[in-house]
Amino acid sequence: MSKKNSIFSLLGTLLLLLNLACFKGQKNIPKEPVQVTDASTGKIIPELLVIPRYSSFKGVSTMYGEGPQRGIDRDYLAKPFIYYTRNNFKPKQPKSPAVVLPPFVFVGKGITLEGVLVLSPGYQPQWFTNLWSIGSERKLQLTSISNTEWSSLLEKTLSPLVNDTSHIKDECSFWDIPTPCNLEIRFNKKERELTRSFLQQDIIENR
């Protein structure tokens, strides 16, 4: 092999290795605080439950998921946490154990953080999907609802979060996914208890 061909071969190998590097997935979410207030009074809601919703794909796809693909798609809730308004906002972003083969073939498992559900007793839950926004766009307003409305919401729509349910197949639009849906709840015992205790606490009357 000539010296010229050896150089091209080496460059080709290096390029292939670069393409085989682990797929990094989404860019990091800014840690800038999210300000959440009462839509009527403008008062800050100091403590909230935040539940991330993820989608995952395991298999082979082309054009970074926008072309033909063969694999398994899943939607799931995981990694709930208590958020204190004005603190750094840091929902978990799982790594994607996958590789990208030249030119546009994705192989492995890709995980995407689609958004987070923001909850506080006595307020209508709200999805926050513009996670990469900064400045004034990181402000949310929650609408106050009556005790009766909150109790009904807790008993029906939010009941899978309180009970030991592992899948949600009803009220897909509330969970911001198409119908029919099969939304998994991937909470461990500690996360389930955290969610249950937060949602079942008494509504603060002087909102």
N, C-alpha and C. Protein backbone atom coordinates (compact mmCIF):
# COMPACT_ATOMS: atom_id res chain seq x y z
N MET A 1 0.85 -1.20 0.00
CA MET A 1 0.00 0.00 0.00
C MET A 1 0.88 1.25 0.00
N SER A 2 0.56 2.20 -0.84
CA SER A 2 1.35 3.42 -0.93
C SER A 2 1.16 4.28 0.31
N LYS A 3 2.08 5.21 0.50
CA LYS A 3 1.99 6.10 1.65
C LYS A 3 0.71 6.93 1.60
N LYS A 4 0.34 7.36 0.39
CA LYS A 4 -0.87 8.18 0.22
C LYS A 4 -2.11 7.39 0.62
N ASN A 5 -2.18 6.13 0.15
CA ASN A 5 -3.33 5.29 0.48
C ASN A 5 -3.40 5.00 1.97
N SER A 6 -2.23 4.85 2.61
CA SER A 6 -2.19 4.58 4.05
C SER A 6 -2.76 5.76 4.84
N ILE A 7 -2.43 6.98 4.37
CA ILE A 7 -2.95 8.17 5.03
C ILE A 7 -4.47 8.24 4.91
N PHE A 8 -4.97 7.98 3.68
CA PHE A 8 -6.42 8.00 3.47
C PHE A 8 -7.11 6.92 4.30
N SER A 9 -6.48 5.76 4.40
CA SER A 9 -7.04 4.67 5.19
C SER A 9 -7.11 5.05 6.67
N LEU A 10 -6.05 5.69 7.17
CA LEU A 10 -6.01 6.12 8.55
C LEU A 10 -7.07 7.19 8.82
N LEU A 11 -7.20 8.13 7.90
CA LEU A 11 -8.22 9.17 8.06
C LEU A 11 -9.62 8.57 8.05
N GLY A 12 -9.84 7.59 7.19
CA GLY A 12 -11.14 6.92 7.13
C GLY A 12 -11.45 6.20 8.42
N THR A 13 -10.44 5.55 8.99
CA THR A 13 -10.64 4.84 10.26
C THR A 13 -10.96 5.81 11.38
N LEU A 14 -10.25 6.95 11.43
CA LEU A 14 -10.51 7.95 12.45
C LEU A 14 -11.92 8.53 12.32
N LEU A 15 -12.35 8.76 11.08
CA LEU A 15 -13.69 9.28 10.84
C LEU A 15 -14.74 8.30 11.30
N LEU A 16 -14.51 7.02 11.03
CA LEU A 16 -15.45 5.99 11.45
C LEU A 16 -15.53 5.93 12.97
N LEU A 17 -14.39 6.03 13.64
CA LEU A 17 -14.38 5.98 15.09
C LEU A 17 -15.12 7.17 15.69
N LEU A 18 -15.00 8.32 15.04
CA LEU A 18 -15.72 9.50 15.51
C LEU A 18 -17.22 9.30 15.39
N ASN A 19 -17.64 8.70 14.28
CA ASN A 19 -19.06 8.45 14.08
C ASN A 19 -19.60 7.38 14.99
N LEU A 20 -18.71 6.49 15.43
CA LEU A 20 -19.12 5.42 16.32
C LEU A 20 -19.15 5.85 17.78
N ALA A 21 -18.76 7.08 18.02
CA ALA A 21 -18.76 7.58 19.39
C ALA A 21 -20.18 7.56 19.95
N CYS A 22 -20.27 7.47 21.25
CA CYS A 22 -21.59 7.38 21.87
C CYS A 22 -22.45 8.59 21.52
N PHE A 23 -23.69 8.33 21.23
CA PHE A 23 -24.64 9.38 20.90
C PHE A 23 -24.95 10.18 22.17
N LYS A 24 -24.73 11.48 22.14
CA LYS A 24 -24.88 12.30 23.33
C LYS A 24 -26.33 12.65 23.65
N GLY A 25 -27.20 12.58 22.66
CA GLY A 25 -28.60 12.90 22.91
C GLY A 25 -28.84 14.39 23.00
N GLN A 26 -29.84 14.78 23.84
CA GLN A 26 -30.22 16.18 23.94
C GLN A 26 -29.13 17.02 24.61
N LYS A 27 -29.14 18.29 24.26
CA LYS A 27 -28.22 19.20 24.95
C LYS A 27 -28.74 19.46 26.36
N ASN A 28 -27.86 19.85 27.24
CA ASN A 28 -28.22 20.04 28.64
C ASN A 28 -29.22 21.18 28.81
N ILE A 29 -30.15 20.99 29.72
CA ILE A 29 -31.13 22.01 30.03
C ILE A 29 -30.48 23.10 30.88
N PRO A 30 -30.75 24.37 30.59
CA PRO A 30 -30.20 25.44 31.43
C PRO A 30 -30.65 25.27 32.88
N LYS A 31 -29.74 25.52 33.81
CA LYS A 31 -30.08 25.36 35.22
C LYS A 31 -30.80 26.58 35.78
N GLU A 32 -30.99 27.58 34.94
CA GLU A 32 -31.64 28.82 35.38
C GLU A 32 -32.98 28.51 36.04
N PRO A 33 -33.28 29.14 37.18
CA PRO A 33 -34.53 28.86 37.90
C PRO A 33 -35.78 29.09 37.06
N VAL A 34 -36.83 28.35 37.39
CA VAL A 34 -38.15 28.55 36.80
C VAL A 34 -39.02 29.20 37.87
N GLN A 35 -39.66 30.29 37.51
CA GLN A 35 -40.52 31.00 38.46
C GLN A 35 -41.97 30.61 38.22
N VAL A 36 -42.61 30.08 39.26
CA VAL A 36 -44.00 29.63 39.15
C VAL A 36 -44.86 30.45 40.10
N THR A 37 -45.91 31.07 39.54
CA THR A 37 -46.76 31.94 40.34
C THR A 37 -48.24 31.58 40.19
N ASP A 38 -49.03 32.08 41.12
CA ASP A 38 -50.49 31.96 41.07
C ASP A 38 -50.99 32.92 39.99
N ALA A 39 -51.77 32.40 39.03
CA ALA A 39 -52.22 33.21 37.90
C ALA A 39 -53.12 34.36 38.33
N SER A 40 -53.82 34.22 39.46
CA SER A 40 -54.74 35.27 39.92
C SER A 40 -54.06 36.31 40.79
N THR A 41 -53.25 35.86 41.71
CA THR A 41 -52.67 36.78 42.69
C THR A 41 -51.25 37.22 42.35
N GLY A 42 -50.57 36.45 41.52
CA GLY A 42 -49.19 36.76 41.20
C GLY A 42 -48.20 36.29 42.26
N LYS A 43 -48.72 35.68 43.32
CA LYS A 43 -47.84 35.19 44.39
C LYS A 43 -47.03 33.99 43.91
N ILE A 44 -45.81 33.91 44.38
CA ILE A 44 -44.96 32.78 44.03
C ILE A 44 -45.46 31.53 44.75
N ILE A 45 -45.51 30.43 44.01
CA ILE A 45 -45.83 29.12 44.61
C ILE A 45 -44.48 28.50 44.96
N PRO A 46 -44.15 28.43 46.25
CA PRO A 46 -42.77 28.10 46.63
C PRO A 46 -42.36 26.65 46.43
N GLU A 47 -43.31 25.72 46.51
CA GLU A 47 -42.96 24.30 46.47
C GLU A 47 -43.85 23.57 45.47
N LEU A 48 -43.22 22.79 44.60
CA LEU A 48 -43.97 22.11 43.54
C LEU A 48 -43.45 20.69 43.35
N LEU A 49 -44.33 19.86 42.81
CA LEU A 49 -43.92 18.52 42.40
C LEU A 49 -43.72 18.56 40.89
N VAL A 50 -42.57 18.11 40.45
CA VAL A 50 -42.25 18.11 39.02
C VAL A 50 -42.05 16.65 38.57
N ILE A 51 -42.81 16.26 37.55
CA ILE A 51 -42.72 14.88 37.05
C ILE A 51 -42.30 14.91 35.58
N PRO A 52 -41.09 14.50 35.29
CA PRO A 52 -40.63 14.46 33.89
C PRO A 52 -41.31 13.34 33.09
N ARG A 53 -41.52 13.63 31.81
CA ARG A 53 -42.02 12.60 30.88
C ARG A 53 -40.96 12.38 29.81
N TYR A 54 -40.62 11.12 29.60
CA TYR A 54 -39.59 10.75 28.64
C TYR A 54 -40.17 9.88 27.53
N SER A 55 -39.50 9.88 26.41
CA SER A 55 -39.79 8.93 25.35
C SER A 55 -38.49 8.22 25.02
N SER A 56 -38.59 6.95 24.69
CA SER A 56 -37.38 6.19 24.36
C SER A 56 -37.60 5.38 23.10
N PHE A 57 -36.53 5.18 22.38
CA PHE A 57 -36.55 4.32 21.19
C PHE A 57 -35.36 3.38 21.28
N LYS A 58 -35.63 2.10 21.10
CA LYS A 58 -34.57 1.09 21.12
C LYS A 58 -34.62 0.31 19.82
N GLY A 59 -33.56 0.39 19.03
CA GLY A 59 -33.53 -0.31 17.75
C GLY A 59 -32.63 0.40 16.77
N VAL A 60 -33.06 0.39 15.51
CA VAL A 60 -32.29 1.00 14.43
C VAL A 60 -33.19 1.98 13.68
N SER A 61 -32.67 3.17 13.45
CA SER A 61 -33.43 4.15 12.67
C SER A 61 -32.47 4.93 11.78
N THR A 62 -33.03 5.58 10.79
CA THR A 62 -32.23 6.41 9.89
C THR A 62 -32.64 7.87 10.04
N MET A 63 -31.78 8.76 9.61
CA MET A 63 -32.04 10.20 9.65
C MET A 63 -32.38 10.65 11.07
N TYR A 64 -31.68 10.09 12.05
CA TYR A 64 -31.86 10.48 13.45
C TYR A 64 -33.31 10.39 13.90
N GLY A 65 -33.97 9.29 13.50
CA GLY A 65 -35.33 9.04 13.97
C GLY A 65 -36.41 9.57 13.06
N GLU A 66 -36.05 10.29 12.00
CA GLU A 66 -37.05 10.88 11.13
C GLU A 66 -37.25 10.08 9.85
N GLY A 67 -36.46 9.04 9.66
CA GLY A 67 -36.62 8.18 8.49
C GLY A 67 -37.16 6.82 8.91
N PRO A 68 -37.03 5.81 8.05
CA PRO A 68 -37.49 4.46 8.38
C PRO A 68 -36.80 3.95 9.64
N GLN A 69 -37.54 3.21 10.45
CA GLN A 69 -36.95 2.70 11.67
C GLN A 69 -37.57 1.35 12.04
N ARG A 70 -36.82 0.62 12.85
CA ARG A 70 -37.29 -0.67 13.33
C ARG A 70 -36.86 -0.81 14.78
N GLY A 71 -37.84 -0.83 15.66
CA GLY A 71 -37.50 -0.92 17.07
C GLY A 71 -38.73 -0.74 17.94
N ILE A 72 -38.50 -0.36 19.20
CA ILE A 72 -39.57 -0.24 20.18
C ILE A 72 -39.61 1.18 20.73
N ASP A 73 -40.79 1.80 20.67
CA ASP A 73 -41.00 3.14 21.24
C ASP A 73 -41.73 3.02 22.57
N ARG A 74 -41.33 3.82 23.54
CA ARG A 74 -42.01 3.84 24.83
C ARG A 74 -42.11 5.28 25.34
N ASP A 75 -43.20 5.54 26.08
CA ASP A 75 -43.36 6.80 26.78
C ASP A 75 -43.47 6.48 28.26
N TYR A 76 -42.82 7.28 29.10
CA TYR A 76 -42.89 6.96 30.52
C TYR A 76 -42.62 8.19 31.40
N LEU A 77 -43.15 8.11 32.63
CA LEU A 77 -42.90 9.10 33.66
C LEU A 77 -41.84 8.55 34.59
N ALA A 78 -40.90 9.39 35.01
CA ALA A 78 -39.83 8.92 35.88
C ALA A 78 -39.15 10.11 36.56
N LYS A 79 -38.39 9.80 37.59
CA LYS A 79 -37.54 10.77 38.30
C LYS A 79 -38.31 12.00 38.81
N PRO A 80 -39.45 11.81 39.51
CA PRO A 80 -40.15 12.97 40.07
C PRO A 80 -39.30 13.63 41.17
N PHE A 81 -39.48 14.93 41.35
CA PHE A 81 -38.73 15.63 42.39
C PHE A 81 -39.49 16.86 42.86
N ILE A 82 -39.17 17.28 44.08
CA ILE A 82 -39.75 18.49 44.63
C ILE A 82 -38.88 19.67 44.18
N TYR A 83 -39.55 20.67 43.62
CA TYR A 83 -38.82 21.85 43.14
C TYR A 83 -39.22 23.06 43.97
N TYR A 84 -38.22 23.78 44.44
CA TYR A 84 -38.45 25.01 45.18
C TYR A 84 -38.18 26.19 44.25
N THR A 85 -39.23 26.95 44.01
CA THR A 85 -39.15 28.06 43.06
C THR A 85 -37.95 28.95 43.35
N ARG A 86 -37.26 29.33 42.27
CA ARG A 86 -36.06 30.18 42.28
C ARG A 86 -34.78 29.38 42.51
N ASN A 87 -34.90 28.09 42.80
CA ASN A 87 -33.69 27.26 42.86
C ASN A 87 -33.32 26.82 41.44
N ASN A 88 -32.13 26.31 41.27
CA ASN A 88 -31.74 25.79 39.96
C ASN A 88 -32.70 24.67 39.55
N PHE A 89 -33.06 24.67 38.29
CA PHE A 89 -34.03 23.70 37.77
C PHE A 89 -33.27 22.60 37.04
N LYS A 90 -33.30 21.37 37.60
CA LYS A 90 -32.44 20.31 37.06
C LYS A 90 -33.16 18.97 36.93
N PRO A 91 -34.12 18.84 36.01
CA PRO A 91 -34.71 17.52 35.77
C PRO A 91 -33.66 16.58 35.20
N LYS A 92 -33.79 15.30 35.52
CA LYS A 92 -32.80 14.32 35.07
C LYS A 92 -32.86 14.13 33.55
N GLN A 93 -31.68 14.09 32.95
CA GLN A 93 -31.55 13.82 31.52
C GLN A 93 -30.72 12.55 31.34
N PRO A 94 -31.39 11.40 31.16
CA PRO A 94 -30.65 10.13 31.02
C PRO A 94 -29.77 10.13 29.77
N LYS A 95 -28.69 9.39 29.85
CA LYS A 95 -27.81 9.24 28.70
C LYS A 95 -28.44 8.29 27.69
N SER A 96 -28.05 8.43 26.44
CA SER A 96 -28.54 7.56 25.38
C SER A 96 -27.43 6.60 24.97
N PRO A 97 -27.51 5.34 25.40
CA PRO A 97 -26.47 4.36 25.04
C PRO A 97 -26.63 3.89 23.60
N ALA A 98 -26.11 4.67 22.67
CA ALA A 98 -26.29 4.37 21.25
C ALA A 98 -25.09 4.87 20.47
N VAL A 99 -25.01 4.43 19.23
CA VAL A 99 -23.96 4.90 18.33
C VAL A 99 -24.60 5.37 17.04
N VAL A 100 -23.89 6.24 16.34
CA VAL A 100 -24.35 6.74 15.04
C VAL A 100 -23.36 6.24 13.99
N LEU A 101 -23.88 5.45 13.07
CA LEU A 101 -23.05 4.92 11.99
C LEU A 101 -23.17 5.83 10.77
N PRO A 102 -22.09 6.02 10.03
CA PRO A 102 -22.15 6.89 8.86
C PRO A 102 -23.05 6.29 7.78
N PRO A 103 -23.86 7.11 7.07
CA PRO A 103 -23.91 8.55 7.30
C PRO A 103 -24.98 8.96 8.32
N PHE A 104 -26.14 8.28 8.35
CA PHE A 104 -27.22 8.75 9.23
C PHE A 104 -27.97 7.58 9.87
N VAL A 105 -27.28 6.60 10.36
CA VAL A 105 -27.94 5.44 10.95
C VAL A 105 -27.72 5.45 12.46
N PHE A 106 -28.82 5.38 13.20
CA PHE A 106 -28.79 5.39 14.66
C PHE A 106 -29.03 3.97 15.15
N VAL A 107 -28.16 3.46 16.01
CA VAL A 107 -28.29 2.11 16.54
C VAL A 107 -28.17 2.16 18.06
N GLY A 108 -29.16 1.61 18.75
CA GLY A 108 -29.08 1.56 20.20
C GLY A 108 -30.35 2.07 20.84
N LYS A 109 -30.19 2.80 21.96
CA LYS A 109 -31.34 3.31 22.70
C LYS A 109 -31.21 4.81 22.87
N GLY A 110 -32.21 5.51 22.38
CA GLY A 110 -32.23 6.96 22.52
C GLY A 110 -33.31 7.38 23.49
N ILE A 111 -32.99 8.26 24.42
CA ILE A 111 -33.96 8.72 25.42
C ILE A 111 -34.10 10.23 25.32
N THR A 112 -35.34 10.69 25.24
CA THR A 112 -35.62 12.12 25.08
C THR A 112 -36.49 12.61 26.23
N LEU A 113 -36.10 13.69 26.86
CA LEU A 113 -36.93 14.35 27.86
C LEU A 113 -37.92 15.24 27.11
N GLU A 114 -39.20 14.89 27.14
CA GLU A 114 -40.21 15.61 26.35
C GLU A 114 -40.77 16.83 27.07
N GLY A 115 -40.79 16.79 28.39
CA GLY A 115 -41.35 17.90 29.15
C GLY A 115 -41.57 17.46 30.59
N VAL A 116 -42.07 18.37 31.40
CA VAL A 116 -42.34 18.05 32.80
C VAL A 116 -43.74 18.52 33.18
N LEU A 117 -44.38 17.75 34.05
CA LEU A 117 -45.69 18.13 34.57
C LEU A 117 -45.46 18.82 35.92
N VAL A 118 -45.98 20.03 36.05
CA VAL A 118 -45.78 20.82 37.26
C VAL A 118 -47.08 20.80 38.07
N LEU A 119 -46.98 20.38 39.33
CA LEU A 119 -48.17 20.22 40.16
C LEU A 119 -48.01 20.87 41.52
N SER A 120 -49.14 21.36 42.03
CA SER A 120 -49.24 21.85 43.40
C SER A 120 -50.69 21.69 43.83
N PRO A 121 -50.94 21.15 45.03
CA PRO A 121 -52.32 20.97 45.49
C PRO A 121 -53.13 22.26 45.40
N GLY A 122 -54.32 22.14 44.80
CA GLY A 122 -55.18 23.32 44.66
C GLY A 122 -54.99 24.10 43.38
N TYR A 123 -54.15 23.56 42.48
CA TYR A 123 -53.91 24.22 41.20
C TYR A 123 -54.06 23.23 40.04
N GLN A 124 -54.48 23.76 38.90
CA GLN A 124 -54.56 22.94 37.70
C GLN A 124 -53.14 22.58 37.25
N PRO A 125 -52.82 21.30 37.11
CA PRO A 125 -51.48 20.92 36.65
C PRO A 125 -51.17 21.51 35.28
N GLN A 126 -49.91 21.75 35.03
CA GLN A 126 -49.50 22.36 33.76
C GLN A 126 -48.22 21.72 33.24
N TRP A 127 -48.21 21.47 31.93
CA TRP A 127 -47.01 20.94 31.29
C TRP A 127 -46.06 22.08 30.95
N PHE A 128 -44.80 21.83 31.17
CA PHE A 128 -43.75 22.77 30.78
C PHE A 128 -42.81 22.03 29.84
N THR A 129 -42.87 22.38 28.56
CA THR A 129 -42.07 21.68 27.55
C THR A 129 -40.95 22.53 26.97
N ASN A 130 -41.01 23.83 27.20
CA ASN A 130 -39.99 24.72 26.66
C ASN A 130 -38.79 24.78 27.62
N LEU A 131 -38.22 23.60 27.87
CA LEU A 131 -37.22 23.46 28.92
C LEU A 131 -35.91 24.17 28.62
N TRP A 132 -35.65 24.43 27.35
CA TRP A 132 -34.38 25.04 26.97
C TRP A 132 -34.48 26.56 26.84
N SER A 133 -35.63 27.10 27.23
CA SER A 133 -35.82 28.54 27.18
C SER A 133 -35.03 29.22 28.30
N ILE A 134 -34.84 30.51 28.17
CA ILE A 134 -34.14 31.28 29.20
C ILE A 134 -34.89 32.59 29.43
N GLY A 135 -34.55 33.25 30.52
CA GLY A 135 -35.14 34.56 30.79
C GLY A 135 -36.62 34.50 31.11
N SER A 136 -37.38 35.42 30.51
CA SER A 136 -38.80 35.55 30.83
C SER A 136 -39.62 34.33 30.42
N GLU A 137 -39.09 33.51 29.53
CA GLU A 137 -39.83 32.33 29.09
C GLU A 137 -39.81 31.22 30.13
N ARG A 138 -39.03 31.39 31.18
CA ARG A 138 -38.98 30.39 32.25
C ARG A 138 -39.89 30.80 33.41
N LYS A 139 -41.05 31.35 33.06
CA LYS A 139 -42.05 31.73 34.05
C LYS A 139 -43.35 31.01 33.75
N LEU A 140 -43.92 30.39 34.77
CA LEU A 140 -45.18 29.67 34.62
C LEU A 140 -46.22 30.24 35.56
N GLN A 141 -47.48 30.19 35.12
CA GLN A 141 -48.58 30.61 35.97
C GLN A 141 -49.55 29.44 36.11
N LEU A 142 -49.85 29.06 37.34
CA LEU A 142 -50.79 27.98 37.60
C LEU A 142 -52.14 28.57 38.00
N THR A 143 -53.20 27.96 37.50
CA THR A 143 -54.56 28.44 37.78
C THR A 143 -55.12 27.75 39.01
N SER A 144 -55.59 28.55 39.95
CA SER A 144 -56.16 28.02 41.18
C SER A 144 -57.50 27.33 40.90
N ILE A 145 -57.74 26.20 41.56
CA ILE A 145 -59.02 25.50 41.44
C ILE A 145 -59.56 25.22 42.84
N SER A 146 -60.84 24.91 42.93
CA SER A 146 -61.47 24.69 44.23
C SER A 146 -61.02 23.36 44.85
N ASN A 147 -61.29 23.22 46.13
CA ASN A 147 -60.98 21.96 46.82
C ASN A 147 -61.69 20.79 46.16
N THR A 148 -62.93 21.03 45.75
CA THR A 148 -63.72 19.96 45.12
C THR A 148 -63.10 19.55 43.79
N GLU A 149 -62.69 20.54 43.01
CA GLU A 149 -62.06 20.25 41.72
C GLU A 149 -60.73 19.51 41.90
N TRP A 150 -59.95 19.92 42.90
CA TRP A 150 -58.67 19.25 43.14
C TRP A 150 -58.90 17.80 43.60
N SER A 151 -59.89 17.61 44.48
CA SER A 151 -60.19 16.26 44.97
C SER A 151 -60.62 15.35 43.83
N SER A 152 -61.42 15.90 42.91
CA SER A 152 -61.86 15.13 41.74
C SER A 152 -60.69 14.78 40.84
N LEU A 153 -59.81 15.74 40.64
CA LEU A 153 -58.62 15.52 39.81
C LEU A 153 -57.73 14.45 40.43
N LEU A 154 -57.60 14.50 41.74
CA LEU A 154 -56.76 13.54 42.45
C LEU A 154 -57.37 12.14 42.41
N GLU A 155 -58.68 12.10 42.49
CA GLU A 155 -59.39 10.81 42.51
C GLU A 155 -59.42 10.14 41.14
N LYS A 156 -59.44 10.95 40.08
CA LYS A 156 -59.58 10.38 38.73
C LYS A 156 -58.28 10.47 37.93
N THR A 157 -58.00 11.63 37.40
CA THR A 157 -56.87 11.78 36.47
C THR A 157 -55.52 11.48 37.11
N LEU A 158 -55.31 11.96 38.33
CA LEU A 158 -54.01 11.79 38.98
C LEU A 158 -53.90 10.52 39.82
N SER A 159 -54.97 9.75 39.88
CA SER A 159 -54.96 8.56 40.73
C SER A 159 -53.84 7.57 40.41
N PRO A 160 -53.44 7.40 39.14
CA PRO A 160 -52.33 6.47 38.87
C PRO A 160 -51.03 6.87 39.57
N LEU A 161 -50.86 8.16 39.86
CA LEU A 161 -49.65 8.62 40.54
C LEU A 161 -49.69 8.31 42.02
N VAL A 162 -50.89 8.24 42.56
CA VAL A 162 -51.07 7.99 43.99
C VAL A 162 -51.13 6.50 44.30
N ASN A 163 -51.77 5.76 43.41
CA ASN A 163 -51.89 4.31 43.59
C ASN A 163 -50.64 3.61 43.05
N ASP A 164 -50.63 2.32 43.13
CA ASP A 164 -49.47 1.55 42.65
C ASP A 164 -49.64 1.13 41.19
N THR A 165 -50.24 2.01 40.40
CA THR A 165 -50.45 1.74 38.98
C THR A 165 -49.12 1.83 38.22
N SER A 166 -48.93 0.93 37.27
CA SER A 166 -47.68 0.92 36.50
C SER A 166 -47.84 1.49 35.09
N HIS A 167 -49.11 1.57 34.61
CA HIS A 167 -49.35 2.10 33.26
C HIS A 167 -50.58 3.02 33.27
N ILE A 168 -50.56 4.01 32.41
CA ILE A 168 -51.70 4.90 32.21
C ILE A 168 -52.19 4.73 30.78
N LYS A 169 -53.48 4.40 30.63
CA LYS A 169 -54.03 4.18 29.29
C LYS A 169 -55.24 5.07 29.00
N ASP A 170 -55.61 5.89 29.98
CA ASP A 170 -56.77 6.78 29.84
C ASP A 170 -56.33 8.24 29.87
N GLU A 171 -57.24 9.10 29.39
CA GLU A 171 -57.02 10.55 29.40
C GLU A 171 -55.64 10.91 28.84
N CYS A 172 -55.37 10.37 27.67
CA CYS A 172 -54.06 10.56 27.03
C CYS A 172 -53.74 12.04 26.80
N SER A 173 -54.75 12.83 26.45
CA SER A 173 -54.51 14.24 26.15
C SER A 173 -53.98 14.98 27.38
N PHE A 174 -54.44 14.61 28.57
CA PHE A 174 -53.95 15.24 29.79
C PHE A 174 -52.45 15.01 29.94
N TRP A 175 -52.01 13.81 29.54
CA TRP A 175 -50.60 13.45 29.68
C TRP A 175 -49.78 13.88 28.46
N ASP A 176 -50.43 14.61 27.57
CA ASP A 176 -49.75 15.23 26.43
C ASP A 176 -49.17 14.20 25.45
N ILE A 177 -49.90 13.10 25.26
CA ILE A 177 -49.47 12.08 24.30
C ILE A 177 -50.68 11.64 23.47
N PRO A 178 -50.45 11.15 22.25
CA PRO A 178 -51.55 10.78 21.36
C PRO A 178 -52.34 9.57 21.87
N THR A 179 -53.58 9.47 21.40
CA THR A 179 -54.43 8.31 21.67
C THR A 179 -54.27 7.28 20.56
N PRO A 180 -54.25 5.97 20.86
CA PRO A 180 -54.24 5.34 22.20
C PRO A 180 -52.87 5.48 22.84
N CYS A 181 -52.84 5.43 24.17
CA CYS A 181 -51.57 5.61 24.86
C CYS A 181 -51.32 4.48 25.85
N ASN A 182 -50.07 4.31 26.14
CA ASN A 182 -49.64 3.33 27.14
C ASN A 182 -48.44 3.93 27.86
N LEU A 183 -48.74 4.84 28.76
CA LEU A 183 -47.72 5.60 29.46
C LEU A 183 -47.27 4.85 30.71
N GLU A 184 -46.00 4.52 30.77
CA GLU A 184 -45.48 3.78 31.91
C GLU A 184 -45.15 4.73 33.06
N ILE A 185 -45.30 4.24 34.28
CA ILE A 185 -44.89 4.98 35.46
C ILE A 185 -43.71 4.23 36.06
N ARG A 186 -42.53 4.81 35.95
CA ARG A 186 -41.31 4.15 36.42
C ARG A 186 -40.80 4.83 37.69
N PHE A 187 -41.60 4.72 38.74
CA PHE A 187 -41.21 5.27 40.03
C PHE A 187 -40.72 4.14 40.93
N ASN A 188 -39.65 4.39 41.65
CA ASN A 188 -39.28 3.42 42.68
C ASN A 188 -40.13 3.69 43.93
N LYS A 189 -39.94 2.91 44.96
CA LYS A 189 -40.77 3.01 46.16
C LYS A 189 -40.67 4.39 46.80
N LYS A 190 -39.46 4.93 46.87
CA LYS A 190 -39.25 6.23 47.48
C LYS A 190 -39.90 7.34 46.66
N GLU A 191 -39.81 7.25 45.33
CA GLU A 191 -40.42 8.26 44.45
C GLU A 191 -41.93 8.18 44.50
N ARG A 192 -42.46 6.98 44.62
CA ARG A 192 -43.92 6.81 44.71
C ARG A 192 -44.43 7.45 45.99
N GLU A 193 -43.73 7.24 47.09
CA GLU A 193 -44.15 7.80 48.37
C GLU A 193 -44.02 9.32 48.35
N LEU A 194 -42.97 9.84 47.76
CA LEU A 194 -42.79 11.29 47.66
C LEU A 194 -43.96 11.91 46.89
N THR A 195 -44.32 11.29 45.77
CA THR A 195 -45.42 11.78 44.94
C THR A 195 -46.74 11.72 45.69
N ARG A 196 -46.99 10.60 46.32
CA ARG A 196 -48.25 10.40 47.05
C ARG A 196 -48.40 11.41 48.19
N SER A 197 -47.36 11.57 48.98
CA SER A 197 -47.44 12.46 50.15
C SER A 197 -47.60 13.92 49.72
N PHE A 198 -46.97 14.31 48.61
CA PHE A 198 -47.09 15.69 48.15
C PHE A 198 -48.50 15.98 47.63
N LEU A 199 -49.02 15.09 46.82
CA LEU A 199 -50.33 15.32 46.21
C LEU A 199 -51.47 15.23 47.22
N GLN A 200 -51.28 14.48 48.29
CA GLN A 200 -52.36 14.28 49.25
C GLN A 200 -52.30 15.26 50.42
N GLN A 201 -51.35 16.18 50.39
CA GLN A 201 -51.29 17.16 51.49
C GLN A 201 -52.45 18.13 51.39
N ASP A 202 -52.78 18.76 52.49
CA ASP A 202 -53.89 19.69 52.53
C ASP A 202 -53.61 20.91 51.67
N ILE A 203 -54.67 21.44 51.07
CA ILE A 203 -54.54 22.66 50.29
C ILE A 203 -54.38 23.86 51.21
N ILE A 204 -53.40 24.69 50.91
CA ILE A 204 -53.20 25.89 51.72
C ILE A 204 -54.30 26.90 51.39
N GLU A 205 -55.05 27.29 52.41
CA GLU A 205 -56.23 28.13 52.20
C GLU A 205 -55.89 29.57 51.83
N ASN A 206 -54.75 30.05 52.30
CA ASN A 206 -54.44 31.47 52.06
C ASN A 206 -53.57 31.64 50.82
N ARG A 207 -53.97 30.96 49.74
CA ARG A 207 -53.21 31.10 48.50
C ARG A 207 -53.30 32.51 47.96
